C-alpha atoms as a PDB file:
ATOM      1  CA  MET A   1       0.350  38.017  96.461  1.00  0.00           C
ATOM      2  CA  THR A   2       2.780  39.818  94.213  1.00  0.00           C
ATOM      3  CA  ALA A   3       1.699  41.157  90.846  1.00  0.00           C
ATOM      4  CA  SER A   4       3.834  38.661  88.910  1.00  0.00           C
ATOM      5  CA  ARG A   5       2.420  35.743  90.883  1.00  0.00           C
ATOM      6  CA  PHE A   6      -1.123  37.037  90.287  1.00  0.00           C
ATOM      7  CA  VAL A   7      -0.464  37.250  86.535  1.00  0.00           C
ATOM      8  CA  LEU A   8       0.930  33.696  86.549  1.00  0.00           C
ATOM      9  CA  VAL A   9      -2.093  32.320  88.438  1.00  0.00           C
ATOM     10  CA  LEU A  10      -4.499  34.257  86.208  1.00  0.00           C
ATOM     11  CA  GLY A  11      -2.745  32.983  83.068  1.00  0.00           C
ATOM     12  CA  ALA A  12      -2.918  29.376  84.302  1.00  0.00           C
ATOM     13  CA  ALA A  13      -6.612  29.757  85.131  1.00  0.00           C
ATOM     14  CA  LEU A  14      -7.370  31.166  81.680  1.00  0.00           C
ATOM     15  CA  ALA A  15      -5.388  28.393  79.984  1.00  0.00           C
ATOM     16  CA  LEU A  16      -7.346  25.738  81.856  1.00  0.00           C
ATOM     17  CA  ALA A  17     -10.647  27.475  81.167  1.00  0.00           C
ATOM     18  CA  ALA A  18      -9.873  27.392  77.437  1.00  0.00           C
ATOM     19  CA  CYS A  19      -9.513  23.587  77.444  1.00  0.00           C
ATOM     20  CA  ASP A  20     -12.247  21.943  75.436  1.00  0.00           C
ATOM     21  CA  ALA A  21     -13.131  18.368  76.335  1.00  0.00           C
ATOM     22  CA  GLY A  22     -14.106  17.734  72.722  1.00  0.00           C
ATOM     23  CA  PRO A  23     -16.700  15.203  71.580  1.00  0.00           C
ATOM     24  CA  ASP A  24     -17.941  12.487  73.915  1.00  0.00           C
ATOM     25  CA  LYS A  25     -15.778   9.452  73.122  1.00  0.00           C
ATOM     26  CA  SER A  26     -17.315   7.207  75.752  1.00  0.00           C
ATOM     27  CA  GLN A  27     -19.883   5.922  73.251  1.00  0.00           C
ATOM     28  CA  ASP A  28     -19.639   4.575  69.741  1.00  0.00           C
ATOM     29  CA  ARG A  29     -21.531   6.683  67.188  1.00  0.00           C
ATOM     30  CA  ASN A  30     -23.093   3.527  65.688  1.00  0.00           C
ATOM     31  CA  THR A  31     -23.057   4.969  62.201  1.00  0.00           C
ATOM     32  CA  ILE A  32     -22.679   1.604  60.474  1.00  0.00           C
ATOM     33  CA  ASP A  33     -24.680  -1.577  61.071  1.00  0.00           C
ATOM     34  CA  ARG A  34     -24.846  -1.736  64.841  1.00  0.00           C
ATOM     35  CA  ASN A  35     -26.985  -0.528  67.724  1.00  0.00           C
ATOM     36  CA  ASP A  36     -24.218  -0.655  70.339  1.00  0.00           C
ATOM     37  CA  LEU A  37     -20.897  -2.260  71.259  1.00  0.00           C
ATOM     38  CA  SER A  38     -22.600  -5.153  73.046  1.00  0.00           C
ATOM     39  CA  GLN A  39     -23.234  -6.704  69.618  1.00  0.00           C
ATOM     40  CA  ILE A  40     -19.505  -7.033  68.886  1.00  0.00           C
ATOM     41  CA  LYS A  41     -17.834 -10.395  69.535  1.00  0.00           C
ATOM     42  CA  TRP A  42     -14.891 -10.083  71.909  1.00  0.00           C
ATOM     43  CA  GLY A  43     -11.708 -12.107  72.160  1.00  0.00           C
ATOM     44  CA  VAL A  44      -8.660 -12.099  74.402  1.00  0.00           C
ATOM     45  CA  TRP A  45      -5.198 -10.807  73.519  1.00  0.00           C
ATOM     46  CA  VAL A  46      -2.407 -11.740  75.911  1.00  0.00           C
ATOM     47  CA  ASP A  47       0.054  -8.881  76.332  1.00  0.00           C
ATOM     48  CA  PRO A  48       3.846  -9.382  76.584  1.00  0.00           C
ATOM     49  CA  ASP A  49       3.515  -9.549  80.395  1.00  0.00           C
ATOM     50  CA  GLY A  50       1.152 -12.539  80.061  1.00  0.00           C
ATOM     51  CA  CYS A  51      -1.994 -10.669  81.163  1.00  0.00           C
ATOM     52  CA  ASP A  52      -5.371 -10.755  79.396  1.00  0.00           C
ATOM     53  CA  ASN A  53      -6.918  -7.898  77.435  1.00  0.00           C
ATOM     54  CA  TRP A  54     -10.390  -7.870  75.863  1.00  0.00           C
ATOM     55  CA  ILE A  55     -10.173  -7.134  72.128  1.00  0.00           C
ATOM     56  CA  ALA A  56     -12.732  -6.587  69.380  1.00  0.00           C
ATOM     57  CA  ASP A  57     -12.613  -5.511  65.758  1.00  0.00           C
ATOM     58  CA  ASP A  58     -15.730  -4.269  64.004  1.00  0.00           C
ATOM     59  CA  GLY A  59     -13.995  -3.649  60.685  1.00  0.00           C
ATOM     60  CA  VAL A  60     -13.913   0.108  61.226  1.00  0.00           C
ATOM     61  CA  GLU A  61     -12.461   0.426  64.704  1.00  0.00           C
ATOM     62  CA  GLY A  62     -10.581  -1.829  67.069  1.00  0.00           C
ATOM     63  CA  TYR A  63     -11.182  -1.971  70.800  1.00  0.00           C
ATOM     64  CA  LEU A  64      -8.910  -3.090  73.629  1.00  0.00           C
ATOM     65  CA  ALA A  65      -9.454  -3.101  77.389  1.00  0.00           C
ATOM     66  CA  ARG A  66      -7.399  -4.783  80.086  1.00  0.00           C
ATOM     67  CA  ARG A  67      -9.188  -7.553  82.008  1.00  0.00           C
ATOM     68  CA  TYR A  68      -9.363  -7.063  85.780  1.00  0.00           C
ATOM     69  CA  ASP A  69     -10.750  -9.258  88.535  1.00  0.00           C
ATOM     70  CA  ARG A  70     -13.268  -7.910  91.040  1.00  0.00           C
ATOM     71  CA  TYR A  71     -10.411  -6.719  93.268  1.00  0.00           C
ATOM     72  CA  GLY A  72      -8.843  -4.602  90.509  1.00  0.00           C
ATOM     73  CA  LYS A  73      -5.926  -6.922  89.780  1.00  0.00           C
ATOM     74  CA  PRO A  74      -5.050  -7.779  86.154  1.00  0.00           C
ATOM     75  CA  ILE A  75      -6.172 -11.234  85.017  1.00  0.00           C
ATOM     76  CA  CYS A  76      -3.300 -13.351  83.707  1.00  0.00           C
ATOM     77  CA  SER A  77      -5.124 -16.590  82.887  1.00  0.00           C
ATOM     78  CA  GLY A  78      -2.641 -18.242  80.521  1.00  0.00           C
ATOM     79  CA  VAL A  79      -5.386 -18.701  77.896  1.00  0.00           C
ATOM     80  CA  ALA A  80      -2.747 -18.124  75.174  1.00  0.00           C
ATOM     81  CA  PRO A  81       0.994 -17.421  74.911  1.00  0.00           C
ATOM     82  CA  PRO A  82       2.125 -13.778  75.240  1.00  0.00           C
ATOM     83  CA  THR A  83       1.333 -11.549  72.206  1.00  0.00           C
ATOM     84  CA  VAL A  84      -1.259 -14.035  70.870  1.00  0.00           C
ATOM     85  CA  ALA A  85      -4.960 -13.254  70.328  1.00  0.00           C
ATOM     86  CA  THR A  86      -7.686 -15.850  70.696  1.00  0.00           C
ATOM     87  CA  GLY A  87     -11.437 -15.910  70.119  1.00  0.00           C
ATOM     88  CA  ASP A  88     -13.876 -14.757  67.436  1.00  0.00           C
ATOM     89  CA  PHE A  89     -13.067 -11.074  67.873  1.00  0.00           C
ATOM     90  CA  LYS A  90     -12.982 -10.437  64.099  1.00  0.00           C
ATOM     91  CA  GLN A  91     -16.505 -11.788  63.663  1.00  0.00           C
ATOM     92  CA  GLY A  92     -17.953  -8.443  64.735  1.00  0.00           C
ATOM     93  CA  ALA A  93     -17.092  -6.847  61.392  1.00  0.00           C
ATOM     94  CA  THR A  94     -19.789  -4.783  59.770  1.00  0.00           C
ATOM     95  CA  SER A  95     -21.567  -6.039  56.674  1.00  0.00           C
ATOM     96  CA  VAL A  96     -20.884  -2.738  54.929  1.00  0.00           C
ATOM     97  CA  ILE A  97     -17.096  -2.697  55.336  1.00  0.00           C
ATOM     98  CA  GLY A  98     -16.161  -6.142  56.650  1.00  0.00           C
ATOM     99  CA  ASP A  99     -12.710  -7.164  57.772  1.00  0.00           C
ATOM    100  CA  PRO A 100     -10.482  -8.419  54.956  1.00  0.00           C
ATOM    101  CA  ILE A 101      -7.786  -9.856  57.226  1.00  0.00           C
END
């Protein structure tokens, strides 16, 4: 390995080692009103492609996750027209902040 290639590999290794994953964002901090996300009411938003996405709004944060069947394919149920949300997803708002919309 040449010296310049060694320096390049060493620099890349140091750059990757300096990466910080940051705080764990896989869990809600539950700072207001709620024990966990299972207490939020979820609805369905149909994206422009006609496929379903789970949505929830707790008044502080909004959540969205694509719906998949057990084979990993997107669910496109036709529950609503594209770009329309349905369900009681705004009912999960906290009592402290609420959801004015």
